[in-house]
Every structure is written in C-alpha cells, then in structure tokens.
Amino acid sequence: MWTERELDVFANSLREPQRARASALYYRTFLLRELFQTLAGRYRRDRLHTPTLLLFGADDGVIRPHQLRGYERHADDMRLELIPGVGHFTPEEAPQLVTERAIEHFEAVATAAQR
C-alpha cells in the first residue's frame, strides 16, 4: 500500500506535460498496436536469447502472476522473481530491491561472459 506522500511523488511526475504525454502514448501504443497482436500469437515463435531477470509484483492487479506461466519455453535463460507486497509499478514500489537485483544480475551475466 502506498502512503499519501508516495502517491503524491508518483503523481507529481505525471503532472509534467511531457511525462504525461509520454505515458499516455506508451499505453496507447501498447493497447492499439501490441496487445491484440500479442494475444493473436505474434511472438509465439520468437525466442529470447538474452539472459533475463523479470522482477514482478506478486500483487499486480493488472497482470496476474499466473499469466506469466510458460515463459520458459520462450527463453534460453530467464528467471522470474515474484516480489511479495509489490503491485504493478515494481521499480517505484521496490526501488532498492530492483537496484540490488539488477546489479546481481548484470554481475552474473558479465562473469558468465568472461568464462
């Protein structure tokens, strides 16, 4: 649950016209161009080759964790971490954890690449 102060900080960034426009265009593009193509299987045959860490809020009300099942067959090296108590805006809700996991992930990828 977000505090009033946290909600204000988050909402304030969207009060800037350029950020509000960018956010609206981002979601509009997804809804009008990507969503239906994705649901129709546009990426079904594609495979993710880059080592990937997906940090995902266990309490996301938009995309439910059960909807992420099956990603393994589409990725060579992907790990999913569900974060309890976090919703749809993972970086904003758990910035320290996201930073820590990103550093760990990139260090592991760099180490593996050196072998």
PDB file of N, CA and C in Angstrom:
ATOM      1  N   MET A   1       0.840  -1.186   0.000  1.00  0.00           N
ATOM      2  CA  MET A   1       0.000   0.000   0.000  1.00  0.00           C
ATOM      3  C   MET A   1       0.879   1.242   0.000  1.00  0.00           C
ATOM      4  N   TRP A   2       0.555   2.200  -0.793  1.00  0.00           N
ATOM      5  CA  TRP A   2       1.339   3.419  -0.900  1.00  0.00           C
ATOM      6  C   TRP A   2       0.854   4.434   0.124  1.00  0.00           C
ATOM      7  N   THR A   3       1.795   5.197   0.670  1.00  0.00           N
ATOM      8  CA  THR A   3       1.440   6.278   1.579  1.00  0.00           C
ATOM      9  C   THR A   3       0.974   7.466   0.741  1.00  0.00           C
ATOM     10  N   GLU A   4       0.336   8.439   1.390  1.00  0.00           N
ATOM     11  CA  GLU A   4      -0.090   9.658   0.684  1.00  0.00           C
ATOM     12  C   GLU A   4       1.106  10.356   0.049  1.00  0.00           C
ATOM     13  N   ARG A   5       2.195  10.405   0.775  1.00  0.00           N
ATOM     14  CA  ARG A   5       3.418  11.061   0.271  1.00  0.00           C
ATOM     15  C   ARG A   5       3.929  10.341  -0.979  1.00  0.00           C
ATOM     16  N   GLU A   6       3.973   9.018  -0.948  1.00  0.00           N
ATOM     17  CA  GLU A   6       4.434   8.255  -2.111  1.00  0.00           C
ATOM     18  C   GLU A   6       3.523   8.471  -3.315  1.00  0.00           C
ATOM     19  N   LEU A   7       2.224   8.486  -3.089  1.00  0.00           N
ATOM     20  CA  LEU A   7       1.279   8.745  -4.177  1.00  0.00           C
ATOM     21  C   LEU A   7       1.486  10.130  -4.770  1.00  0.00           C
ATOM     22  N   ASP A   8       1.729  11.122  -3.899  1.00  0.00           N
ATOM     23  CA  ASP A   8       1.980  12.482  -4.379  1.00  0.00           C
ATOM     24  C   ASP A   8       3.233  12.545  -5.240  1.00  0.00           C
ATOM     25  N   VAL A   9       4.306  11.896  -4.782  1.00  0.00           N
ATOM     26  CA  VAL A   9       5.558  11.899  -5.548  1.00  0.00           C
ATOM     27  C   VAL A   9       5.337  11.252  -6.913  1.00  0.00           C
ATOM     28  N   PHE A  10       4.659  10.121  -6.939  1.00  0.00           N
ATOM     29  CA  PHE A  10       4.400   9.420  -8.196  1.00  0.00           C
ATOM     30  C   PHE A  10       3.523  10.271  -9.117  1.00  0.00           C
ATOM     31  N   ALA A  11       2.448  10.826  -8.580  1.00  0.00           N
ATOM     32  CA  ALA A  11       1.527  11.621  -9.388  1.00  0.00           C
ATOM     33  C   ALA A  11       2.173  12.917  -9.869  1.00  0.00           C
ATOM     34  N   ASN A  12       3.039  13.514  -9.061  1.00  0.00           N
ATOM     35  CA  ASN A  12       3.682  14.760  -9.461  1.00  0.00           C
ATOM     36  C   ASN A  12       4.479  14.603 -10.748  1.00  0.00           C
ATOM     37  N   SER A  13       5.145  13.477 -10.915  1.00  0.00           N
ATOM     38  CA  SER A  13       5.922  13.290 -12.143  1.00  0.00           C
ATOM     39  C   SER A  13       5.013  13.260 -13.366  1.00  0.00           C
ATOM     40  N   LEU A  14       3.795  12.802 -13.202  1.00  0.00           N
ATOM     41  CA  LEU A  14       2.861  12.740 -14.335  1.00  0.00           C
ATOM     42  C   LEU A  14       2.150  14.070 -14.589  1.00  0.00           C
ATOM     43  N   ARG A  15       2.362  15.025 -13.703  1.00  0.00           N
ATOM     44  CA  ARG A  15       1.780  16.354 -13.918  1.00  0.00           C
ATOM     45  C   ARG A  15       2.607  17.184 -14.898  1.00  0.00           C
ATOM     46  N   GLU A  16       3.842  16.753 -15.156  1.00  0.00           N
ATOM     47  CA  GLU A  16       4.667  17.427 -16.151  1.00  0.00           C
ATOM     48  C   GLU A  16       4.119  17.035 -17.528  1.00  0.00           C
ATOM     49  N   PRO A  17       3.811  18.009 -18.352  1.00  0.00           N
ATOM     50  CA  PRO A  17       3.154  17.704 -19.636  1.00  0.00           C
ATOM     51  C   PRO A  17       3.877  16.669 -20.493  1.00  0.00           C
ATOM     52  N   GLN A  18       5.204  16.757 -20.587  1.00  0.00           N
ATOM     53  CA  GLN A  18       5.934  15.808 -21.435  1.00  0.00           C
ATOM     54  C   GLN A  18       5.849  14.388 -20.879  1.00  0.00           C
ATOM     55  N   ARG A  19       5.933  14.244 -19.566  1.00  0.00           N
ATOM     56  CA  ARG A  19       5.845  12.912 -18.965  1.00  0.00           C
ATOM     57  C   ARG A  19       4.432  12.354 -19.088  1.00  0.00           C
ATOM     58  N   ALA A  20       3.448  13.197 -18.899  1.00  0.00           N
ATOM     59  CA  ALA A  20       2.061  12.749 -19.038  1.00  0.00           C
ATOM     60  C   ALA A  20       1.794  12.288 -20.468  1.00  0.00           C
ATOM     61  N   ARG A  21       2.286  13.050 -21.433  1.00  0.00           N
ATOM     62  CA  ARG A  21       2.106  12.692 -22.840  1.00  0.00           C
ATOM     63  C   ARG A  21       2.838  11.388 -23.166  1.00  0.00           C
ATOM     64  N   ALA A  22       4.071  11.261 -22.707  1.00  0.00           N
ATOM     65  CA  ALA A  22       4.841  10.037 -22.959  1.00  0.00           C
ATOM     66  C   ALA A  22       4.134   8.826 -22.360  1.00  0.00           C
ATOM     67  N   SER A  23       3.612   8.959 -21.162  1.00  0.00           N
ATOM     68  CA  SER A  23       2.898   7.843 -20.522  1.00  0.00           C
ATOM     69  C   SER A  23       1.646   7.477 -21.303  1.00  0.00           C
ATOM     70  N   ALA A  24       0.899   8.482 -21.711  1.00  0.00           N
ATOM     71  CA  ALA A  24      -0.323   8.220 -22.472  1.00  0.00           C
ATOM     72  C   ALA A  24       0.003   7.540 -23.808  1.00  0.00           C
ATOM     73  N   LEU A  25       1.043   8.008 -24.490  1.00  0.00           N
ATOM     74  CA  LEU A  25       1.419   7.415 -25.769  1.00  0.00           C
ATOM     75  C   LEU A  25       1.931   5.987 -25.608  1.00  0.00           C
ATOM     76  N   TYR A  26       2.665   5.754 -24.534  1.00  0.00           N
ATOM     77  CA  TYR A  26       3.182   4.411 -24.254  1.00  0.00           C
ATOM     78  C   TYR A  26       2.028   3.419 -24.123  1.00  0.00           C
ATOM     79  N   TYR A  27       1.055   3.748 -23.283  1.00  0.00           N
ATOM     80  CA  TYR A  27      -0.072   2.845 -23.083  1.00  0.00           C
ATOM     81  C   TYR A  27      -0.962   2.767 -24.317  1.00  0.00           C
ATOM     82  N   ARG A  28      -1.151   3.876 -24.999  1.00  0.00           N
ATOM     83  CA  ARG A  28      -1.974   3.871 -26.209  1.00  0.00           C
ATOM     84  C   ARG A  28      -1.355   2.974 -27.275  1.00  0.00           C
ATOM     85  N   THR A  29      -0.039   3.082 -27.451  1.00  0.00           N
ATOM     86  CA  THR A  29       0.654   2.245 -28.432  1.00  0.00           C
ATOM     87  C   THR A  29       0.492   0.774 -28.087  1.00  0.00           C
ATOM     88  N   PHE A  30       0.681   0.459 -26.825  1.00  0.00           N
ATOM     89  CA  PHE A  30       0.529  -0.933 -26.421  1.00  0.00           C
ATOM     90  C   PHE A  30      -0.892  -1.430 -26.692  1.00  0.00           C
ATOM     91  N   LEU A  31      -1.877  -0.667 -26.278  1.00  0.00           N
ATOM     92  CA  LEU A  31      -3.266  -1.108 -26.438  1.00  0.00           C
ATOM     93  C   LEU A  31      -3.695  -1.191 -27.897  1.00  0.00           C
ATOM     94  N   LEU A  32      -3.251  -0.250 -28.719  1.00  0.00           N
ATOM     95  CA  LEU A  32      -3.702  -0.213 -30.107  1.00  0.00           C
ATOM     96  C   LEU A  32      -2.856  -1.053 -31.060  1.00  0.00           C
ATOM     97  N   ARG A  33      -1.573  -1.234 -30.755  1.00  0.00           N
ATOM     98  CA  ARG A  33      -0.696  -1.928 -31.697  1.00  0.00           C
ATOM     99  C   ARG A  33      -0.195  -3.274 -31.195  1.00  0.00           C
ATOM    100  N   GLU A  34       0.096  -3.368 -29.937  1.00  0.00           N
ATOM    101  CA  GLU A  34       0.776  -4.562 -29.436  1.00  0.00           C
ATOM    102  C   GLU A  34      -0.143  -5.600 -28.789  1.00  0.00           C
ATOM    103  N   LEU A  35      -1.088  -5.162 -28.013  1.00  0.00           N
ATOM    104  CA  LEU A  35      -1.897  -6.094 -27.224  1.00  0.00           C
ATOM    105  C   LEU A  35      -2.560  -7.162 -28.085  1.00  0.00           C
ATOM    106  N   PHE A  36      -3.297  -6.749 -29.099  1.00  0.00           N
ATOM    107  CA  PHE A  36      -4.037  -7.722 -29.901  1.00  0.00           C
ATOM    108  C   PHE A  36      -3.101  -8.615 -30.712  1.00  0.00           C
ATOM    109  N   GLN A  37      -2.004  -8.040 -31.196  1.00  0.00           N
ATOM    110  CA  GLN A  37      -1.038  -8.850 -31.931  1.00  0.00           C
ATOM    111  C   GLN A  37      -0.386  -9.875 -31.005  1.00  0.00           C
ATOM    112  N   THR A  38      -0.106  -9.463 -29.793  1.00  0.00           N
ATOM    113  CA  THR A  38       0.488 -10.386 -28.821  1.00  0.00           C
ATOM    114  C   THR A  38      -0.491 -11.506 -28.498  1.00  0.00           C
ATOM    115  N   LEU A  39      -1.740 -11.151 -28.239  1.00  0.00           N
ATOM    116  CA  LEU A  39      -2.755 -12.161 -27.924  1.00  0.00           C
ATOM    117  C   LEU A  39      -2.999 -13.099 -29.109  1.00  0.00           C
ATOM    118  N   ALA A  40      -2.806 -12.586 -30.309  1.00  0.00           N
ATOM    119  CA  ALA A  40      -3.007 -13.403 -31.512  1.00  0.00           C
ATOM    120  C   ALA A  40      -1.804 -14.291 -31.814  1.00  0.00           C
ATOM    121  N   GLY A  41      -0.739 -14.160 -31.010  1.00  0.00           N
ATOM    122  CA  GLY A  41       0.404 -15.047 -31.182  1.00  0.00           C
ATOM    123  C   GLY A  41       1.572 -14.494 -31.974  1.00  0.00           C
ATOM    124  N   ARG A  42       1.625 -13.190 -32.129  1.00  0.00           N
ATOM    125  CA  ARG A  42       2.693 -12.582 -32.925  1.00  0.00           C
ATOM    126  C   ARG A  42       4.090 -13.052 -32.495  1.00  0.00           C
ATOM    127  N   TYR A  43       4.325 -13.217 -31.227  1.00  0.00           N
ATOM    128  CA  TYR A  43       5.659 -13.558 -30.740  1.00  0.00           C
ATOM    129  C   TYR A  43       5.791 -15.035 -30.367  1.00  0.00           C
ATOM    130  N   ARG A  44       4.807 -15.819 -30.687  1.00  0.00           N
ATOM    131  CA  ARG A  44       4.774 -17.223 -30.277  1.00  0.00           C
ATOM    132  C   ARG A  44       6.011 -17.999 -30.713  1.00  0.00           C
ATOM    133  N   ARG A  45       6.523 -17.707 -31.887  1.00  0.00           N
ATOM    134  CA  ARG A  45       7.681 -18.450 -32.404  1.00  0.00           C
ATOM    135  C   ARG A  45       9.011 -17.779 -32.086  1.00  0.00           C
ATOM    136  N   ASP A  46       8.965 -16.589 -31.520  1.00  0.00           N
ATOM    137  CA  ASP A  46      10.199 -15.890 -31.179  1.00  0.00           C
ATOM    138  C   ASP A  46      10.791 -16.475 -29.902  1.00  0.00           C
ATOM    139  N   ARG A  47      12.085 -16.309 -29.764  1.00  0.00           N
ATOM    140  CA  ARG A  47      12.785 -16.826 -28.589  1.00  0.00           C
ATOM    141  C   ARG A  47      13.707 -15.744 -28.048  1.00  0.00           C
ATOM    142  N   LEU A  48      13.707 -15.597 -26.755  1.00  0.00           N
ATOM    143  CA  LEU A  48      14.562 -14.636 -26.076  1.00  0.00           C
ATOM    144  C   LEU A  48      15.893 -15.313 -25.761  1.00  0.00           C
ATOM    145  N   HIS A  49      16.976 -14.768 -26.305  1.00  0.00           N
ATOM    146  CA  HIS A  49      18.295 -15.368 -26.114  1.00  0.00           C
ATOM    147  C   HIS A  49      19.119 -14.647 -25.046  1.00  0.00           C
ATOM    148  N   THR A  50      18.753 -13.433 -24.713  1.00  0.00           N
ATOM    149  CA  THR A  50      19.486 -12.639 -23.732  1.00  0.00           C
ATOM    150  C   THR A  50      19.163 -13.105 -22.320  1.00  0.00           C
ATOM    151  N   PRO A  51      20.177 -13.315 -21.476  1.00  0.00           N
ATOM    152  CA  PRO A  51      19.889 -13.653 -20.071  1.00  0.00           C
ATOM    153  C   PRO A  51      19.004 -12.569 -19.463  1.00  0.00           C
ATOM    154  N   THR A  52      17.892 -12.976 -18.886  1.00  0.00           N
ATOM    155  CA  THR A  52      16.873 -12.025 -18.453  1.00  0.00           C
ATOM    156  C   THR A  52      16.389 -12.331 -17.048  1.00  0.00           C
ATOM    157  N   LEU A  53      16.203 -11.265 -16.282  1.00  0.00           N
ATOM    158  CA  LEU A  53      15.592 -11.353 -14.966  1.00  0.00           C
ATOM    159  C   LEU A  53      14.323 -10.529 -15.016  1.00  0.00           C
ATOM    160  N   LEU A  54      13.194 -11.146 -14.727  1.00  0.00           N
ATOM    161  CA  LEU A  54      11.918 -10.445 -14.679  1.00  0.00           C
ATOM    162  C   LEU A  54      11.510 -10.322 -13.228  1.00  0.00           C
ATOM    163  N   LEU A  55      11.532  -9.101 -12.720  1.00  0.00           N
ATOM    164  CA  LEU A  55      11.061  -8.823 -11.367  1.00  0.00           C
ATOM    165  C   LEU A  55       9.609  -8.403 -11.498  1.00  0.00           C
ATOM    166  N   PHE A  56       8.754  -9.089 -10.785  1.00  0.00           N
ATOM    167  CA  PHE A  56       7.320  -8.886 -11.000  1.00  0.00           C
ATOM    168  C   PHE A  56       6.592  -8.820  -9.673  1.00  0.00           C
ATOM    169  N   GLY A  57       5.722  -7.853  -9.543  1.00  0.00           N
ATOM    170  CA  GLY A  57       4.949  -7.697  -8.315  1.00  0.00           C
ATOM    171  C   GLY A  57       3.941  -8.821  -8.141  1.00  0.00           C
ATOM    172  N   ALA A  58       4.044  -9.529  -7.034  1.00  0.00           N
ATOM    173  CA  ALA A  58       3.119 -10.635  -6.755  1.00  0.00           C
ATOM    174  C   ALA A  58       1.687 -10.134  -6.581  1.00  0.00           C
ATOM    175  N   ASP A  59       1.542  -8.849  -6.262  1.00  0.00           N
ATOM    176  CA  ASP A  59       0.217  -8.281  -6.043  1.00  0.00           C
ATOM    177  C   ASP A  59      -0.230  -7.378  -7.195  1.00  0.00           C
ATOM    178  N   ASP A  60       0.336  -7.595  -8.379  1.00  0.00           N
ATOM    179  CA  ASP A  60      -0.041  -6.805  -9.550  1.00  0.00           C
ATOM    180  C   ASP A  60      -1.515  -7.061  -9.861  1.00  0.00           C
ATOM    181  N   GLY A  61      -2.284  -5.999  -9.952  1.00  0.00           N
ATOM    182  CA  GLY A  61      -3.704  -6.127 -10.239  1.00  0.00           C
ATOM    183  C   GLY A  61      -4.021  -6.076 -11.723  1.00  0.00           C
ATOM    184  N   VAL A  62      -3.033  -5.777 -12.545  1.00  0.00           N
ATOM    185  CA  VAL A  62      -3.246  -5.675 -13.991  1.00  0.00           C
ATOM    186  C   VAL A  62      -2.856  -6.981 -14.672  1.00  0.00           C
ATOM    187  N   ILE A  63      -1.642  -7.418 -14.423  1.00  0.00           N
ATOM    188  CA  ILE A  63      -1.152  -8.688 -14.962  1.00  0.00           C
ATOM    189  C   ILE A  63      -0.947  -9.605 -13.765  1.00  0.00           C
ATOM    190  N   ARG A  64      -1.719 -10.636 -13.697  1.00  0.00           N
ATOM    191  CA  ARG A  64      -1.649 -11.551 -12.555  1.00  0.00           C
ATOM    192  C   ARG A  64      -0.474 -12.515 -12.738  1.00  0.00           C
ATOM    193  N   PRO A  65       0.190 -12.865 -11.652  1.00  0.00           N
ATOM    194  CA  PRO A  65       1.352 -13.764 -11.747  1.00  0.00           C
ATOM    195  C   PRO A  65       1.081 -15.067 -12.497  1.00  0.00           C
ATOM    196  N   HIS A  66      -0.124 -15.616 -12.383  1.00  0.00           N
ATOM    197  CA  HIS A  66      -0.399 -16.868 -13.096  1.00  0.00           C
ATOM    198  C   HIS A  66      -0.344 -16.684 -14.619  1.00  0.00           C
ATOM    199  N   GLN A  67      -0.491 -15.444 -15.094  1.00  0.00           N
ATOM    200  CA  GLN A  67      -0.436 -15.177 -16.531  1.00  0.00           C
ATOM    201  C   GLN A  67       0.996 -15.253 -17.075  1.00  0.00           C
ATOM    202  N   LEU A  68       1.962 -15.345 -16.201  1.00  0.00           N
ATOM    203  CA  LEU A  68       3.361 -15.413 -16.621  1.00  0.00           C
ATOM    204  C   LEU A  68       3.833 -16.840 -16.850  1.00  0.00           C
ATOM    205  N   ARG A  69       3.012 -17.795 -16.536  1.00  0.00           N
ATOM    206  CA  ARG A  69       3.404 -19.203 -16.697  1.00  0.00           C
ATOM    207  C   ARG A  69       3.751 -19.516 -18.149  1.00  0.00           C
ATOM    208  N   GLY A  70       4.729 -20.387 -18.311  1.00  0.00           N
ATOM    209  CA  GLY A  70       5.082 -20.851 -19.641  1.00  0.00           C
ATOM    210  C   GLY A  70       6.166 -20.056 -20.332  1.00  0.00           C
ATOM    211  N   TYR A  71       6.690 -19.038 -19.658  1.00  0.00           N
ATOM    212  CA  TYR A  71       7.724 -18.226 -20.291  1.00  0.00           C
ATOM    213  C   TYR A  71       8.977 -19.050 -20.613  1.00  0.00           C
ATOM    214  N   GLU A  72       9.198 -20.112 -19.868  1.00  0.00           N
ATOM    215  CA  GLU A  72      10.423 -20.910 -20.012  1.00  0.00           C
ATOM    216  C   GLU A  72      10.608 -21.443 -21.435  1.00  0.00           C
ATOM    217  N   ARG A  73       9.536 -21.784 -22.085  1.00  0.00           N
ATOM    218  CA  ARG A  73       9.661 -22.350 -23.435  1.00  0.00           C
ATOM    219  C   ARG A  73       9.998 -21.285 -24.488  1.00  0.00           C
ATOM    220  N   HIS A  74      10.026 -20.027 -24.055  1.00  0.00           N
ATOM    221  CA  HIS A  74      10.329 -18.939 -24.988  1.00  0.00           C
ATOM    222  C   HIS A  74      11.653 -18.245 -24.683  1.00  0.00           C
ATOM    223  N   ALA A  75      12.403 -18.750 -23.711  1.00  0.00           N
ATOM    224  CA  ALA A  75      13.634 -18.070 -23.305  1.00  0.00           C
ATOM    225  C   ALA A  75      14.728 -19.074 -22.989  1.00  0.00           C
ATOM    226  N   ASP A  76      15.945 -18.743 -23.427  1.00  0.00           N
ATOM    227  CA  ASP A  76      17.086 -19.597 -23.139  1.00  0.00           C
ATOM    228  C   ASP A  76      17.487 -19.524 -21.671  1.00  0.00           C
ATOM    229  N   ASP A  77      17.460 -18.320 -21.126  1.00  0.00           N
ATOM    230  CA  ASP A  77      17.962 -18.094 -19.772  1.00  0.00           C
ATOM    231  C   ASP A  77      17.169 -16.960 -19.135  1.00  0.00           C
ATOM    232  N   MET A  78      16.055 -17.311 -18.535  1.00  0.00           N
ATOM    233  CA  MET A  78      15.203 -16.305 -17.917  1.00  0.00           C
ATOM    234  C   MET A  78      14.804 -16.769 -16.537  1.00  0.00           C
ATOM    235  N   ARG A  79      14.815 -15.821 -15.629  1.00  0.00           N
ATOM    236  CA  ARG A  79      14.406 -16.119 -14.260  1.00  0.00           C
ATOM    237  C   ARG A  79      13.326 -15.124 -13.865  1.00  0.00           C
ATOM    238  N   LEU A  80      12.280 -15.626 -13.255  1.00  0.00           N
ATOM    239  CA  LEU A  80      11.177 -14.808 -12.772  1.00  0.00           C
ATOM    240  C   LEU A  80      11.250 -14.760 -11.253  1.00  0.00           C
ATOM    241  N   GLU A  81      11.186 -13.560 -10.702  1.00  0.00           N
ATOM    242  CA  GLU A  81      11.111 -13.404  -9.256  1.00  0.00           C
ATOM    243  C   GLU A  81       9.853 -12.612  -8.921  1.00  0.00           C
ATOM    244  N   LEU A  82       8.931 -13.264  -8.225  1.00  0.00           N
ATOM    245  CA  LEU A  82       7.732 -12.582  -7.757  1.00  0.00           C
ATOM    246  C   LEU A  82       8.051 -11.891  -6.438  1.00  0.00           C
ATOM    247  N   ILE A  83       7.707 -10.629  -6.357  1.00  0.00           N
ATOM    248  CA  ILE A  83       8.028  -9.833  -5.178  1.00  0.00           C
ATOM    249  C   ILE A  83       6.759  -9.613  -4.361  1.00  0.00           C
ATOM    250  N   PRO A  84       6.687 -10.218  -3.176  1.00  0.00           N
ATOM    251  CA  PRO A  84       5.504 -10.060  -2.326  1.00  0.00           C
ATOM    252  C   PRO A  84       5.299  -8.596  -1.912  1.00  0.00           C
ATOM    253  N   GLY A  85       4.045  -8.196  -1.850  1.00  0.00           N
ATOM    254  CA  GLY A  85       3.717  -6.848  -1.397  1.00  0.00           C
ATOM    255  C   GLY A  85       3.930  -5.766  -2.432  1.00  0.00           C
ATOM    256  N   VAL A  86       4.265  -6.152  -3.665  1.00  0.00           N
ATOM    257  CA  VAL A  86       4.509  -5.189  -4.738  1.00  0.00           C
ATOM    258  C   VAL A  86       3.456  -5.392  -5.819  1.00  0.00           C
ATOM    259  N   GLY A  87       2.979  -4.270  -6.372  1.00  0.00           N
ATOM    260  CA  GLY A  87       1.952  -4.319  -7.400  1.00  0.00           C
ATOM    261  C   GLY A  87       2.508  -4.123  -8.794  1.00  0.00           C
ATOM    262  N   HIS A  88       1.854  -3.278  -9.569  1.00  0.00           N
ATOM    263  CA  HIS A  88       2.147  -3.104 -10.991  1.00  0.00           C
ATOM    264  C   HIS A  88       3.386  -2.253 -11.269  1.00  0.00           C
ATOM    265  N   PHE A  89       3.758  -1.386 -10.355  1.00  0.00           N
ATOM    266  CA  PHE A  89       4.861  -0.449 -10.584  1.00  0.00           C
ATOM    267  C   PHE A  89       6.078  -0.858  -9.762  1.00  0.00           C
ATOM    268  N   THR A  90       6.685  -1.958 -10.149  1.00  0.00           N
ATOM    269  CA  THR A  90       7.763  -2.572  -9.382  1.00  0.00           C
ATOM    270  C   THR A  90       8.917  -1.612  -9.068  1.00  0.00           C
ATOM    271  N   PRO A  91       9.475  -0.894 -10.043  1.00  0.00           N
ATOM    272  CA  PRO A  91      10.613  -0.010  -9.708  1.00  0.00           C
ATOM    273  C   PRO A  91      10.241   1.090  -8.717  1.00  0.00           C
ATOM    274  N   GLU A  92       9.027   1.595  -8.820  1.00  0.00           N
ATOM    275  CA  GLU A  92       8.599   2.651  -7.898  1.00  0.00           C
ATOM    276  C   GLU A  92       8.272   2.096  -6.516  1.00  0.00           C
ATOM    277  N   GLU A  93       7.756   0.886  -6.470  1.00  0.00           N
ATOM    278  CA  GLU A  93       7.335   0.305  -5.199  1.00  0.00           C
ATOM    279  C   GLU A  93       8.472  -0.373  -4.446  1.00  0.00           C
ATOM    280  N   ALA A  94       9.475  -0.831  -5.162  1.00  0.00           N
ATOM    281  CA  ALA A  94      10.595  -1.539  -4.522  1.00  0.00           C
ATOM    282  C   ALA A  94      11.921  -1.126  -5.160  1.00  0.00           C
ATOM    283  N   PRO A  95      12.253   0.169  -5.133  1.00  0.00           N
ATOM    284  CA  PRO A  95      13.444   0.639  -5.848  1.00  0.00           C
ATOM    285  C   PRO A  95      14.751   0.021  -5.343  1.00  0.00           C
ATOM    286  N   GLN A  96      14.874  -0.149  -4.058  1.00  0.00           N
ATOM    287  CA  GLN A  96      16.114  -0.712  -3.518  1.00  0.00           C
ATOM    288  C   GLN A  96      16.288  -2.163  -3.968  1.00  0.00           C
ATOM    289  N   LEU A  97      15.223  -2.929  -3.888  1.00  0.00           N
ATOM    290  CA  LEU A  97      15.288  -4.323  -4.307  1.00  0.00           C
ATOM    291  C   LEU A  97      15.589  -4.439  -5.803  1.00  0.00           C
ATOM    292  N   VAL A  98      14.960  -3.605  -6.606  1.00  0.00           N
ATOM    293  CA  VAL A  98      15.201  -3.628  -8.057  1.00  0.00           C
ATOM    294  C   VAL A  98      16.666  -3.307  -8.345  1.00  0.00           C
ATOM    295  N   THR A  99      17.197  -2.314  -7.669  1.00  0.00           N
ATOM    296  CA  THR A  99      18.606  -1.948  -7.854  1.00  0.00           C
ATOM    297  C   THR A  99      19.520  -3.101  -7.469  1.00  0.00           C
ATOM    298  N   GLU A 100      19.274  -3.700  -6.318  1.00  0.00           N
ATOM    299  CA  GLU A 100      20.099  -4.823  -5.855  1.00  0.00           C
ATOM    300  C   GLU A 100      20.049  -5.992  -6.834  1.00  0.00           C
ATOM    301  N   ARG A 101      18.846  -6.357  -7.264  1.00  0.00           N
ATOM    302  CA  ARG A 101      18.709  -7.487  -8.178  1.00  0.00           C
ATOM    303  C   ARG A 101      19.346  -7.189  -9.539  1.00  0.00           C
ATOM    304  N   ALA A 102      19.219  -5.953 -10.011  1.00  0.00           N
ATOM    305  CA  ALA A 102      19.822  -5.590 -11.298  1.00  0.00           C
ATOM    306  C   ALA A 102      21.343  -5.718 -11.224  1.00  0.00           C
ATOM    307  N   ILE A 103      21.925  -5.211 -10.163  1.00  0.00           N
ATOM    308  CA  ILE A 103      23.381  -5.309 -10.008  1.00  0.00           C
ATOM    309  C   ILE A 103      23.803  -6.772  -9.952  1.00  0.00           C
ATOM    310  N   GLU A 104      23.106  -7.577  -9.155  1.00  0.00           N
ATOM    311  CA  GLU A 104      23.426  -9.009  -9.060  1.00  0.00           C
ATOM    312  C   GLU A 104      23.319  -9.685 -10.425  1.00  0.00           C
ATOM    313  N   HIS A 105      22.249  -9.380 -11.139  1.00  0.00           N
ATOM    314  CA  HIS A 105      22.009  -9.998 -12.445  1.00  0.00           C
ATOM    315  C   HIS A 105      23.111  -9.624 -13.443  1.00  0.00           C
ATOM    316  N   PHE A 106      23.413  -8.330 -13.548  1.00  0.00           N
ATOM    317  CA  PHE A 106      24.419  -7.894 -14.516  1.00  0.00           C
ATOM    318  C   PHE A 106      25.814  -8.390 -14.148  1.00  0.00           C
ATOM    319  N   GLU A 107      26.115  -8.476 -12.866  1.00  0.00           N
ATOM    320  CA  GLU A 107      27.403  -9.039 -12.455  1.00  0.00           C
ATOM    321  C   GLU A 107      27.499 -10.516 -12.851  1.00  0.00           C
ATOM    322  N   ALA A 108      26.422 -11.261 -12.647  1.00  0.00           N
ATOM    323  CA  ALA A 108      26.405 -12.681 -13.014  1.00  0.00           C
ATOM    324  C   ALA A 108      26.545 -12.856 -14.528  1.00  0.00           C
ATOM    325  N   VAL A 109      25.880 -12.031 -15.296  1.00  0.00           N
ATOM    326  CA  VAL A 109      25.956 -12.105 -16.765  1.00  0.00           C
ATOM    327  C   VAL A 109      27.377 -11.772 -17.219  1.00  0.00           C
ATOM    328  N   ALA A 110      27.952 -10.733 -16.635  1.00  0.00           N
ATOM    329  CA  ALA A 110      29.327 -10.346 -17.007  1.00  0.00           C
ATOM    330  C   ALA A 110      30.317 -11.443 -16.655  1.00  0.00           C
ATOM    331  N   THR A 111      30.162 -12.045 -15.492  1.00  0.00           N
ATOM    332  CA  THR A 111      31.052 -13.131 -15.061  1.00  0.00           C
ATOM    333  C   THR A 111      30.940 -14.325 -16.015  1.00  0.00           C
ATOM    334  N   ALA A 112      29.717 -14.678 -16.372  1.00  0.00           N
ATOM    335  CA  ALA A 112      29.493 -15.800 -17.290  1.00  0.00           C
ATOM    336  C   ALA A 112      30.094 -15.510 -18.668  1.00  0.00           C
ATOM    337  N   ALA A 113      30.036 -14.274 -19.099  1.00  0.00           N
ATOM    338  CA  ALA A 113      30.567 -13.905 -20.413  1.00  0.00           C
ATOM    339  C   ALA A 113      32.093 -13.974 -20.451  1.00  0.00           C
ATOM    340  N   GLN A 114      32.716 -13.809 -19.295  1.00  0.00           N
ATOM    341  CA  GLN A 114      34.189 -13.844 -19.221  1.00  0.00           C
ATOM    342  C   GLN A 114      34.731 -15.266 -19.254  1.00  0.00           C
ATOM    343  N   ARG A 115      33.879 -16.242 -19.023  1.00  0.00           N
ATOM    344  CA  ARG A 115      34.325 -17.653 -18.992  1.00  0.00           C
ATOM    345  C   ARG A 115      34.550 -18.205 -20.369  1.00  0.00           C
TER     346      ARG A 115
END
